[in-house]
């Protein structure tokens, strides 16, 4: 069973060598109270293509489009296609006792 559902790229794009790109996903979610989310890399993209996900936290009150930062660690550009599986979202319980 997968840790999270896959997140897909909304459109084509090129990630230049040694650069990063913010990728639109077209999805928004509402997280339960006292949780937070994150977006993690797909191991295949990292090991095969040198593409990793830049960090970020999805707060429970964030309800806008989720965008994914993809970083290209290779010396060649990477061609991203619409509907490529680019990441997985993870939701965790907050350890912050001040959460509402």
PDB file of N, CA and C in Angstrom:
ATOM      1  N   UNK A   1       0.843  -1.180   0.000  1.00  0.00           N
ATOM      2  CA  UNK A   1       0.000   0.000   0.000  1.00  0.00           C
ATOM      3  C   UNK A   1       0.889   1.244   0.000  1.00  0.00           C
ATOM      4  N   UNK A   2       0.579   2.201  -0.836  1.00  0.00           N
ATOM      5  CA  UNK A   2       1.365   3.426  -0.964  1.00  0.00           C
ATOM      6  C   UNK A   2       1.163   4.329   0.248  1.00  0.00           C
ATOM      7  N   UNK A   3       2.203   5.102   0.575  1.00  0.00           N
ATOM      8  CA  UNK A   3       2.132   6.050   1.699  1.00  0.00           C
ATOM      9  C   UNK A   3       1.193   7.206   1.389  1.00  0.00           C
ATOM     10  N   UNK A   4       1.144   7.612   0.136  1.00  0.00           N
ATOM     11  CA  UNK A   4       0.289   8.719  -0.271  1.00  0.00           C
ATOM     12  C   UNK A   4      -0.161   8.525  -1.699  1.00  0.00           C
ATOM     13  N   UNK A   5      -1.177   9.254  -2.095  1.00  0.00           N
ATOM     14  CA  UNK A   5      -1.615   9.221  -3.487  1.00  0.00           C
ATOM     15  C   UNK A   5      -0.628  10.006  -4.335  1.00  0.00           C
ATOM     16  N   UNK A   6      -0.516   9.640  -5.578  1.00  0.00           N
ATOM     17  CA  UNK A   6       0.415  10.336  -6.463  1.00  0.00           C
ATOM     18  C   UNK A   6      -0.097  11.725  -6.827  1.00  0.00           C
ATOM     19  N   UNK A   7       0.839  12.647  -7.011  1.00  0.00           N
ATOM     20  CA  UNK A   7       0.554  13.986  -7.514  1.00  0.00           C
ATOM     21  C   UNK A   7       1.153  14.072  -8.910  1.00  0.00           C
ATOM     22  N   UNK A   8       0.391  14.615  -9.833  1.00  0.00           N
ATOM     23  CA  UNK A   8       0.804  14.676 -11.233  1.00  0.00           C
ATOM     24  C   UNK A   8       1.033  16.117 -11.675  1.00  0.00           C
ATOM     25  N   UNK A   9       1.907  16.284 -12.652  1.00  0.00           N
ATOM     26  CA  UNK A   9       2.142  17.581 -13.261  1.00  0.00           C
ATOM     27  C   UNK A   9       0.927  17.974 -14.091  1.00  0.00           C
ATOM     28  N   UNK A  10       0.537  19.231 -14.008  1.00  0.00           N
ATOM     29  CA  UNK A  10      -0.616  19.711 -14.762  1.00  0.00           C
ATOM     30  C   UNK A  10      -0.272  19.988 -16.220  1.00  0.00           C
ATOM     31  N   UNK A  11       0.979  20.396 -16.495  1.00  0.00           N
ATOM     32  CA  UNK A  11       1.354  20.729 -17.870  1.00  0.00           C
ATOM     33  C   UNK A  11       2.820  20.410 -18.142  1.00  0.00           C
ATOM     34  N   UNK A  12       3.191  20.468 -19.404  1.00  0.00           N
ATOM     35  CA  UNK A  12       4.575  20.234 -19.819  1.00  0.00           C
ATOM     36  C   UNK A  12       5.474  21.361 -19.327  1.00  0.00           C
ATOM     37  N   UNK A  13       6.754  21.046 -19.180  1.00  0.00           N
ATOM     38  CA  UNK A  13       7.732  22.062 -18.808  1.00  0.00           C
ATOM     39  C   UNK A  13       9.141  21.507 -18.894  1.00  0.00           C
ATOM     40  N   UNK A  14      10.097  22.392 -18.816  1.00  0.00           N
ATOM     41  CA  UNK A  14      11.503  21.997 -18.844  1.00  0.00           C
ATOM     42  C   UNK A  14      12.178  22.492 -17.575  1.00  0.00           C
ATOM     43  N   UNK A  15      12.833  21.578 -16.873  1.00  0.00           N
ATOM     44  CA  UNK A  15      13.614  21.953 -15.704  1.00  0.00           C
ATOM     45  C   UNK A  15      15.068  22.028 -16.165  1.00  0.00           C
ATOM     46  N   UNK A  16      15.625  23.231 -16.239  1.00  0.00           N
ATOM     47  CA  UNK A  16      17.006  23.360 -16.719  1.00  0.00           C
ATOM     48  C   UNK A  16      17.993  22.627 -15.798  1.00  0.00           C
ATOM     49  N   UNK A  17      19.133  22.273 -16.339  1.00  0.00           N
ATOM     50  CA  UNK A  17      20.187  21.625 -15.556  1.00  0.00           C
ATOM     51  C   UNK A  17      20.552  22.479 -14.346  1.00  0.00           C
ATOM     52  N   UNK A  18      20.689  21.833 -13.199  1.00  0.00           N
ATOM     53  CA  UNK A  18      21.116  22.494 -11.961  1.00  0.00           C
ATOM     54  C   UNK A  18      20.200  23.644 -11.527  1.00  0.00           C
ATOM     55  N   UNK A  19      18.931  23.579 -11.920  1.00  0.00           N
ATOM     56  CA  UNK A  19      17.957  24.628 -11.569  1.00  0.00           C
ATOM     57  C   UNK A  19      16.717  23.971 -10.977  1.00  0.00           C
ATOM     58  N   UNK A  20      15.738  24.788 -10.679  1.00  0.00           N
ATOM     59  CA  UNK A  20      14.484  24.267 -10.154  1.00  0.00           C
ATOM     60  C   UNK A  20      13.306  24.896 -10.871  1.00  0.00           C
ATOM     61  N   UNK A  21      12.156  24.296 -10.676  1.00  0.00           N
ATOM     62  CA  UNK A  21      10.932  24.759 -11.331  1.00  0.00           C
ATOM     63  C   UNK A  21       9.756  24.514 -10.379  1.00  0.00           C
ATOM     64  N   UNK A  22       8.837  25.466 -10.314  1.00  0.00           N
ATOM     65  CA  UNK A  22       7.607  25.285  -9.553  1.00  0.00           C
ATOM     66  C   UNK A  22       6.574  24.693 -10.508  1.00  0.00           C
ATOM     67  N   UNK A  23       6.020  23.555 -10.125  1.00  0.00           N
ATOM     68  CA  UNK A  23       5.125  22.803 -11.005  1.00  0.00           C
ATOM     69  C   UNK A  23       3.690  22.900 -10.491  1.00  0.00           C
ATOM     70  N   UNK A  24       2.787  23.343 -11.365  1.00  0.00           N
ATOM     71  CA  UNK A  24       1.361  23.389 -11.031  1.00  0.00           C
ATOM     72  C   UNK A  24       0.796  21.979 -11.007  1.00  0.00           C
ATOM     73  N   UNK A  25      -0.106  21.727 -10.042  1.00  0.00           N
ATOM     74  CA  UNK A  25      -0.745  20.408  -9.948  1.00  0.00           C
ATOM     75  C   UNK A  25      -2.249  20.463 -10.201  1.00  0.00           C
ATOM     76  N   UNK A  26      -2.847  21.650 -10.032  1.00  0.00           N
ATOM     77  CA  UNK A  26      -4.285  21.771 -10.232  1.00  0.00           C
ATOM     78  C   UNK A  26      -5.114  21.190  -9.103  1.00  0.00           C
ATOM     79  N   UNK A  27      -4.485  20.814  -7.975  1.00  0.00           N
ATOM     80  CA  UNK A  27      -5.257  20.250  -6.865  1.00  0.00           C
ATOM     81  C   UNK A  27      -5.111  21.110  -5.614  1.00  0.00           C
ATOM     82  N   UNK A  28      -6.164  21.124  -4.843  1.00  0.00           N
ATOM     83  CA  UNK A  28      -6.168  21.777  -3.536  1.00  0.00           C
ATOM     84  C   UNK A  28      -6.832  20.804  -2.566  1.00  0.00           C
ATOM     85  N   UNK A  29      -6.377  20.820  -1.333  1.00  0.00           N
ATOM     86  CA  UNK A  29      -6.947  19.924  -0.330  1.00  0.00           C
ATOM     87  C   UNK A  29      -7.242  20.704   0.938  1.00  0.00           C
ATOM     88  N   UNK A  30      -8.076  20.137   1.771  1.00  0.00           N
ATOM     89  CA  UNK A  30      -8.312  20.686   3.100  1.00  0.00           C
ATOM     90  C   UNK A  30      -7.927  19.603   4.088  1.00  0.00           C
ATOM     91  N   UNK A  31      -6.945  19.910   4.912  1.00  0.00           N
ATOM     92  CA  UNK A  31      -6.453  18.931   5.874  1.00  0.00           C
ATOM     93  C   UNK A  31      -7.269  18.979   7.159  1.00  0.00           C
ATOM     94  N   UNK A  32      -7.369  17.854   7.852  1.00  0.00           N
ATOM     95  CA  UNK A  32      -8.060  17.843   9.144  1.00  0.00           C
ATOM     96  C   UNK A  32      -7.342  18.712  10.176  1.00  0.00           C
ATOM     97  N   UNK A  33      -8.070  19.189  11.165  1.00  0.00           N
ATOM     98  CA  UNK A  33      -7.472  19.947  12.262  1.00  0.00           C
ATOM     99  C   UNK A  33      -6.380  19.121  12.915  1.00  0.00           C
ATOM    100  N   UNK A  34      -5.397  19.808  13.425  1.00  0.00           N
ATOM    101  CA  UNK A  34      -4.270  19.202  14.139  1.00  0.00           C
ATOM    102  C   UNK A  34      -3.434  18.274  13.263  1.00  0.00           C
ATOM    103  N   UNK A  35      -3.403  18.575  11.974  1.00  0.00           N
ATOM    104  CA  UNK A  35      -2.530  17.847  11.059  1.00  0.00           C
ATOM    105  C   UNK A  35      -1.763  18.855  10.214  1.00  0.00           C
ATOM    106  N   UNK A  36      -0.782  18.369   9.513  1.00  0.00           N
ATOM    107  CA  UNK A  36      -0.066  19.161   8.514  1.00  0.00           C
ATOM    108  C   UNK A  36       0.366  18.204   7.424  1.00  0.00           C
ATOM    109  N   UNK A  37       0.723  18.758   6.297  1.00  0.00           N
ATOM    110  CA  UNK A  37       1.123  17.910   5.188  1.00  0.00           C
ATOM    111  C   UNK A  37       2.473  18.311   4.634  1.00  0.00           C
ATOM    112  N   UNK A  38       2.967  17.458   3.793  1.00  0.00           N
ATOM    113  CA  UNK A  38       4.205  17.717   3.081  1.00  0.00           C
ATOM    114  C   UNK A  38       4.136  17.007   1.746  1.00  0.00           C
ATOM    115  N   UNK A  39       5.052  17.332   0.880  1.00  0.00           N
ATOM    116  CA  UNK A  39       5.132  16.685  -0.428  1.00  0.00           C
ATOM    117  C   UNK A  39       6.513  16.067  -0.517  1.00  0.00           C
ATOM    118  N   UNK A  40       6.561  14.779  -0.794  1.00  0.00           N
ATOM    119  CA  UNK A  40       7.840  14.072  -0.839  1.00  0.00           C
ATOM    120  C   UNK A  40       8.131  13.572  -2.248  1.00  0.00           C
ATOM    121  N   UNK A  41       9.409  13.352  -2.484  1.00  0.00           N
ATOM    122  CA  UNK A  41       9.871  12.923  -3.810  1.00  0.00           C
ATOM    123  C   UNK A  41       9.460  11.492  -4.112  1.00  0.00           C
ATOM    124  N   UNK A  42       9.338  11.226  -5.374  1.00  0.00           N
ATOM    125  CA  UNK A  42       9.172   9.862  -5.861  1.00  0.00           C
ATOM    126  C   UNK A  42      10.568   9.297  -6.045  1.00  0.00           C
ATOM    127  N   UNK A  43      10.833   8.167  -5.479  1.00  0.00           N
ATOM    128  CA  UNK A  43      12.194   7.629  -5.500  1.00  0.00           C
ATOM    129  C   UNK A  43      12.682   7.363  -6.921  1.00  0.00           C
ATOM    130  N   UNK A  44      11.809   6.975  -7.832  1.00  0.00           N
ATOM    131  CA  UNK A  44      12.211   6.721  -9.215  1.00  0.00           C
ATOM    132  C   UNK A  44      12.708   7.966  -9.917  1.00  0.00           C
ATOM    133  N   UNK A  45      12.040   9.095  -9.696  1.00  0.00           N
ATOM    134  CA  UNK A  45      12.492  10.347 -10.327  1.00  0.00           C
ATOM    135  C   UNK A  45      13.854  10.748  -9.793  1.00  0.00           C
ATOM    136  N   UNK A  46      14.067  10.547  -8.519  1.00  0.00           N
ATOM    137  CA  UNK A  46      15.347  10.927  -7.920  1.00  0.00           C
ATOM    138  C   UNK A  46      16.468  10.015  -8.396  1.00  0.00           C
ATOM    139  N   UNK A  47      16.251   8.722  -8.365  1.00  0.00           N
ATOM    140  CA  UNK A  47      17.327   7.793  -8.713  1.00  0.00           C
ATOM    141  C   UNK A  47      17.589   7.715 -10.211  1.00  0.00           C
ATOM    142  N   UNK A  48      16.564   7.810 -11.029  1.00  0.00           N
ATOM    143  CA  UNK A  48      16.731   7.680 -12.476  1.00  0.00           C
ATOM    144  C   UNK A  48      17.059   8.997 -13.174  1.00  0.00           C
ATOM    145  N   UNK A  49      16.529  10.104 -12.645  1.00  0.00           N
ATOM    146  CA  UNK A  49      16.620  11.370 -13.375  1.00  0.00           C
ATOM    147  C   UNK A  49      17.266  12.508 -12.575  1.00  0.00           C
ATOM    148  N   UNK A  50      17.590  12.299 -11.295  1.00  0.00           N
ATOM    149  CA  UNK A  50      18.198  13.357 -10.493  1.00  0.00           C
ATOM    150  C   UNK A  50      17.245  14.472 -10.135  1.00  0.00           C
ATOM    151  N   UNK A  51      15.945  14.188 -10.153  1.00  0.00           N
ATOM    152  CA  UNK A  51      14.920  15.194  -9.843  1.00  0.00           C
ATOM    153  C   UNK A  51      14.412  14.944  -8.426  1.00  0.00           C
ATOM    154  N   UNK A  52      14.530  15.959  -7.568  1.00  0.00           N
ATOM    155  CA  UNK A  52      14.063  15.837  -6.193  1.00  0.00           C
ATOM    156  C   UNK A  52      13.076  16.959  -5.875  1.00  0.00           C
ATOM    157  N   UNK A  53      12.296  16.750  -4.834  1.00  0.00           N
ATOM    158  CA  UNK A  53      11.292  17.723  -4.413  1.00  0.00           C
ATOM    159  C   UNK A  53      11.909  18.664  -3.389  1.00  0.00           C
ATOM    160  N   UNK A  54      11.717  19.972  -3.604  1.00  0.00           N
ATOM    161  CA  UNK A  54      12.115  20.968  -2.615  1.00  0.00           C
ATOM    162  C   UNK A  54      11.129  20.934  -1.461  1.00  0.00           C
ATOM    163  N   UNK A  55      11.615  21.183  -0.268  1.00  0.00           N
ATOM    164  CA  UNK A  55      10.790  21.075   0.929  1.00  0.00           C
ATOM    165  C   UNK A  55       9.702  22.120   1.022  1.00  0.00           C
ATOM    166  N   UNK A  56       8.799  21.851   1.901  1.00  0.00           N
ATOM    167  CA  UNK A  56       7.699  22.760   2.171  1.00  0.00           C
ATOM    168  C   UNK A  56       6.674  22.077   3.048  1.00  0.00           C
ATOM    169  N   UNK A  57       5.945  22.863   3.802  1.00  0.00           N
ATOM    170  CA  UNK A  57       4.910  22.335   4.685  1.00  0.00           C
ATOM    171  C   UNK A  57       3.561  22.845   4.209  1.00  0.00           C
ATOM    172  N   UNK A  58       2.575  21.979   4.244  1.00  0.00           N
ATOM    173  CA  UNK A  58       1.199  22.363   3.950  1.00  0.00           C
ATOM    174  C   UNK A  58       0.484  22.473   5.285  1.00  0.00           C
ATOM    175  N   UNK A  59       0.203  23.691   5.717  1.00  0.00           N
ATOM    176  CA  UNK A  59      -0.517  23.896   6.974  1.00  0.00           C
ATOM    177  C   UNK A  59      -1.975  23.501   6.817  1.00  0.00           C
ATOM    178  N   UNK A  60      -2.613  23.144   7.927  1.00  0.00           N
ATOM    179  CA  UNK A  60      -4.003  22.699   7.900  1.00  0.00           C
ATOM    180  C   UNK A  60      -4.946  23.767   7.350  1.00  0.00           C
ATOM    181  N   UNK A  61      -4.589  25.043   7.502  1.00  0.00           N
ATOM    182  CA  UNK A  61      -5.472  26.105   7.017  1.00  0.00           C
ATOM    183  C   UNK A  61      -5.143  26.563   5.594  1.00  0.00           C
ATOM    184  N   UNK A  62      -4.185  25.909   4.935  1.00  0.00           N
ATOM    185  CA  UNK A  62      -3.835  26.255   3.548  1.00  0.00           C
ATOM    186  C   UNK A  62      -4.778  25.503   2.611  1.00  0.00           C
ATOM    187  N   UNK A  63      -5.562  26.250   1.836  1.00  0.00           N
ATOM    188  CA  UNK A  63      -6.559  25.612   0.965  1.00  0.00           C
ATOM    189  C   UNK A  63      -6.383  25.978  -0.509  1.00  0.00           C
ATOM    190  N   UNK A  64      -5.224  26.507  -0.855  1.00  0.00           N
ATOM    191  CA  UNK A  64      -4.959  26.907  -2.234  1.00  0.00           C
ATOM    192  C   UNK A  64      -4.309  25.752  -3.000  1.00  0.00           C
ATOM    193  N   UNK A  65      -4.023  25.989  -4.266  1.00  0.00           N
ATOM    194  CA  UNK A  65      -3.397  24.958  -5.091  1.00  0.00           C
ATOM    195  C   UNK A  65      -2.051  24.530  -4.513  1.00  0.00           C
ATOM    196  N   UNK A  66      -1.837  23.228  -4.507  1.00  0.00           N
ATOM    197  CA  UNK A  66      -0.535  22.692  -4.109  1.00  0.00           C
ATOM    198  C   UNK A  66       0.379  22.766  -5.315  1.00  0.00           C
ATOM    199  N   UNK A  67       1.515  23.403  -5.122  1.00  0.00           N
ATOM    200  CA  UNK A  67       2.528  23.470  -6.170  1.00  0.00           C
ATOM    201  C   UNK A  67       3.755  22.746  -5.652  1.00  0.00           C
ATOM    202  N   UNK A  68       4.483  22.118  -6.546  1.00  0.00           N
ATOM    203  CA  UNK A  68       5.626  21.304  -6.155  1.00  0.00           C
ATOM    204  C   UNK A  68       6.902  21.906  -6.735  1.00  0.00           C
ATOM    205  N   UNK A  69       7.899  22.094  -5.888  1.00  0.00           N
ATOM    206  CA  UNK A  69       9.202  22.564  -6.342  1.00  0.00           C
ATOM    207  C   UNK A  69      10.025  21.347  -6.725  1.00  0.00           C
ATOM    208  N   UNK A  70      10.395  21.270  -7.995  1.00  0.00           N
ATOM    209  CA  UNK A  70      11.254  20.180  -8.464  1.00  0.00           C
ATOM    210  C   UNK A  70      12.631  20.739  -8.764  1.00  0.00           C
ATOM    211  N   UNK A  71      13.657  20.083  -8.231  1.00  0.00           N
ATOM    212  CA  UNK A  71      15.047  20.498  -8.440  1.00  0.00           C
ATOM    213  C   UNK A  71      15.764  19.464  -9.296  1.00  0.00           C
ATOM    214  N   UNK A  72      16.450  19.952 -10.301  1.00  0.00           N
ATOM    215  CA  UNK A  72      17.188  19.087 -11.229  1.00  0.00           C
ATOM    216  C   UNK A  72      18.667  19.114 -10.845  1.00  0.00           C
ATOM    217  N   UNK A  73      19.182  18.000 -10.354  1.00  0.00           N
ATOM    218  CA  UNK A  73      20.576  17.916  -9.921  1.00  0.00           C
ATOM    219  C   UNK A  73      21.512  17.426 -11.024  1.00  0.00           C
ATOM    220  N   UNK A  74      20.981  17.188 -12.188  1.00  0.00           N
ATOM    221  CA  UNK A  74      21.802  16.709 -13.299  1.00  0.00           C
ATOM    222  C   UNK A  74      22.365  17.878 -14.099  1.00  0.00           C
ATOM    223  N   UNK A  75      23.281  17.566 -15.016  1.00  0.00           N
ATOM    224  CA  UNK A  75      23.893  18.582 -15.878  1.00  0.00           C
ATOM    225  C   UNK A  75      23.182  18.706 -17.219  1.00  0.00           C
ATOM    226  N   UNK A  76      22.016  18.103 -17.336  1.00  0.00           N
ATOM    227  CA  UNK A  76      21.201  18.219 -18.542  1.00  0.00           C
ATOM    228  C   UNK A  76      19.777  18.594 -18.145  1.00  0.00           C
ATOM    229  N   UNK A  77      19.068  19.252 -19.034  1.00  0.00           N
ATOM    230  CA  UNK A  77      17.676  19.624 -18.776  1.00  0.00           C
ATOM    231  C   UNK A  77      16.804  18.383 -18.686  1.00  0.00           C
ATOM    232  N   UNK A  78      15.699  18.523 -17.969  1.00  0.00           N
ATOM    233  CA  UNK A  78      14.733  17.427 -17.843  1.00  0.00           C
ATOM    234  C   UNK A  78      13.403  17.891 -18.415  1.00  0.00           C
ATOM    235  N   UNK A  79      12.854  17.114 -19.328  1.00  0.00           N
ATOM    236  CA  UNK A  79      11.565  17.447 -19.948  1.00  0.00           C
ATOM    237  C   UNK A  79      10.439  16.807 -19.144  1.00  0.00           C
ATOM    238  N   UNK A  80       9.650  17.647 -18.517  1.00  0.00           N
ATOM    239  CA  UNK A  80       8.504  17.211 -17.738  1.00  0.00           C
ATOM    240  C   UNK A  80       7.277  17.227 -18.636  1.00  0.00           C
ATOM    241  N   UNK A  81       6.474  16.199 -18.571  1.00  0.00           N
ATOM    242  CA  UNK A  81       5.260  16.106 -19.385  1.00  0.00           C
ATOM    243  C   UNK A  81       4.027  16.216 -18.498  1.00  0.00           C
ATOM    244  N   UNK A  82       2.950  16.759 -19.055  1.00  0.00           N
ATOM    245  CA  UNK A  82       1.670  16.784 -18.352  1.00  0.00           C
ATOM    246  C   UNK A  82       1.310  15.358 -17.964  1.00  0.00           C
ATOM    247  N   UNK A  83       0.809  15.200 -16.789  1.00  0.00           N
ATOM    248  CA  UNK A  83       0.392  13.910 -16.234  1.00  0.00           C
ATOM    249  C   UNK A  83       1.542  13.034 -15.763  1.00  0.00           C
ATOM    250  N   UNK A  84       2.793  13.559 -15.764  1.00  0.00           N
ATOM    251  CA  UNK A  84       3.890  12.819 -15.138  1.00  0.00           C
ATOM    252  C   UNK A  84       3.655  12.783 -13.637  1.00  0.00           C
ATOM    253  N   UNK A  85       3.882  11.635 -13.042  1.00  0.00           N
ATOM    254  CA  UNK A  85       3.785  11.494 -11.592  1.00  0.00           C
ATOM    255  C   UNK A  85       5.033  12.132 -10.985  1.00  0.00           C
ATOM    256  N   UNK A  86       4.867  13.170 -10.158  1.00  0.00           N
ATOM    257  CA  UNK A  86       6.015  13.934  -9.694  1.00  0.00           C
ATOM    258  C   UNK A  86       6.266  13.863  -8.196  1.00  0.00           C
ATOM    259  N   UNK A  87       5.287  13.499  -7.392  1.00  0.00           N
ATOM    260  CA  UNK A  87       5.469  13.527  -5.940  1.00  0.00           C
ATOM    261  C   UNK A  87       4.339  12.760  -5.254  1.00  0.00           C
ATOM    262  N   UNK A  88       4.461  12.647  -3.945  1.00  0.00           N
ATOM    263  CA  UNK A  88       3.401  12.069  -3.120  1.00  0.00           C
ATOM    264  C   UNK A  88       3.158  12.976  -1.920  1.00  0.00           C
ATOM    265  N   UNK A  89       1.893  13.235  -1.586  1.00  0.00           N
ATOM    266  CA  UNK A  89       1.606  14.021  -0.384  1.00  0.00           C
ATOM    267  C   UNK A  89       1.599  13.111   0.846  1.00  0.00           C
ATOM    268  N   UNK A  90       2.050  13.661   1.958  1.00  0.00           N
ATOM    269  CA  UNK A  90       2.042  12.944   3.228  1.00  0.00           C
ATOM    270  C   UNK A  90       1.322  13.826   4.242  1.00  0.00           C
ATOM    271  N   UNK A  91       0.420  13.253   5.033  1.00  0.00           N
ATOM    272  CA  UNK A  91      -0.290  13.986   6.076  1.00  0.00           C
ATOM    273  C   UNK A  91       0.076  13.362   7.414  1.00  0.00           C
ATOM    274  N   UNK A  92       0.412  14.214   8.389  1.00  0.00           N
ATOM    275  CA  UNK A  92       0.806  13.739   9.709  1.00  0.00           C
ATOM    276  C   UNK A  92       0.081  14.528  10.787  1.00  0.00           C
ATOM    277  N   UNK A  93      -0.057  13.914  11.952  1.00  0.00           N
ATOM    278  CA  UNK A  93      -0.611  14.620  13.099  1.00  0.00           C
ATOM    279  C   UNK A  93       0.397  15.629  13.591  1.00  0.00           C
ATOM    280  N   UNK A  94      -0.097  16.804  13.959  1.00  0.00           N
ATOM    281  CA  UNK A  94       0.773  17.843  14.482  1.00  0.00           C
ATOM    282  C   UNK A  94       1.164  17.511  15.908  1.00  0.00           C
ATOM    283  N   UNK A  95       2.413  17.758  16.257  1.00  0.00           N
ATOM    284  CA  UNK A  95       2.897  17.556  17.625  1.00  0.00           C
ATOM    285  C   UNK A  95       2.807  18.842  18.425  1.00  0.00           C
ATOM    286  N   UNK A  96       2.392  19.910  17.748  1.00  0.00           N
ATOM    287  CA  UNK A  96       2.272  21.210  18.386  1.00  0.00           C
ATOM    288  C   UNK A  96       1.017  21.219  19.251  1.00  0.00           C
ATOM    289  N   UNK A  97       1.187  21.350  20.560  1.00  0.00           N
ATOM    290  CA  UNK A  97       0.032  21.330  21.473  1.00  0.00           C
ATOM    291  C   UNK A  97      -0.753  22.631  21.413  1.00  0.00           C
ATOM    292  N   UNK A  98      -0.239  23.636  20.691  1.00  0.00           N
ATOM    293  CA  UNK A  98      -0.953  24.913  20.589  1.00  0.00           C
ATOM    294  C   UNK A  98      -1.901  24.929  19.399  1.00  0.00           C
ATOM    295  N   UNK A  99      -1.940  23.851  18.623  1.00  0.00           N
ATOM    296  CA  UNK A  99      -2.840  23.812  17.461  1.00  0.00           C
ATOM    297  C   UNK A  99      -4.291  23.858  17.902  1.00  0.00           C
ATOM    298  N   UNK A 100      -5.100  24.424  17.078  1.00  0.00           N
ATOM    299  CA  UNK A 100      -6.536  24.517  17.384  1.00  0.00           C
ATOM    300  C   UNK A 100      -7.269  23.301  16.913  1.00  0.00           C
TER     301      UNK A 100
END
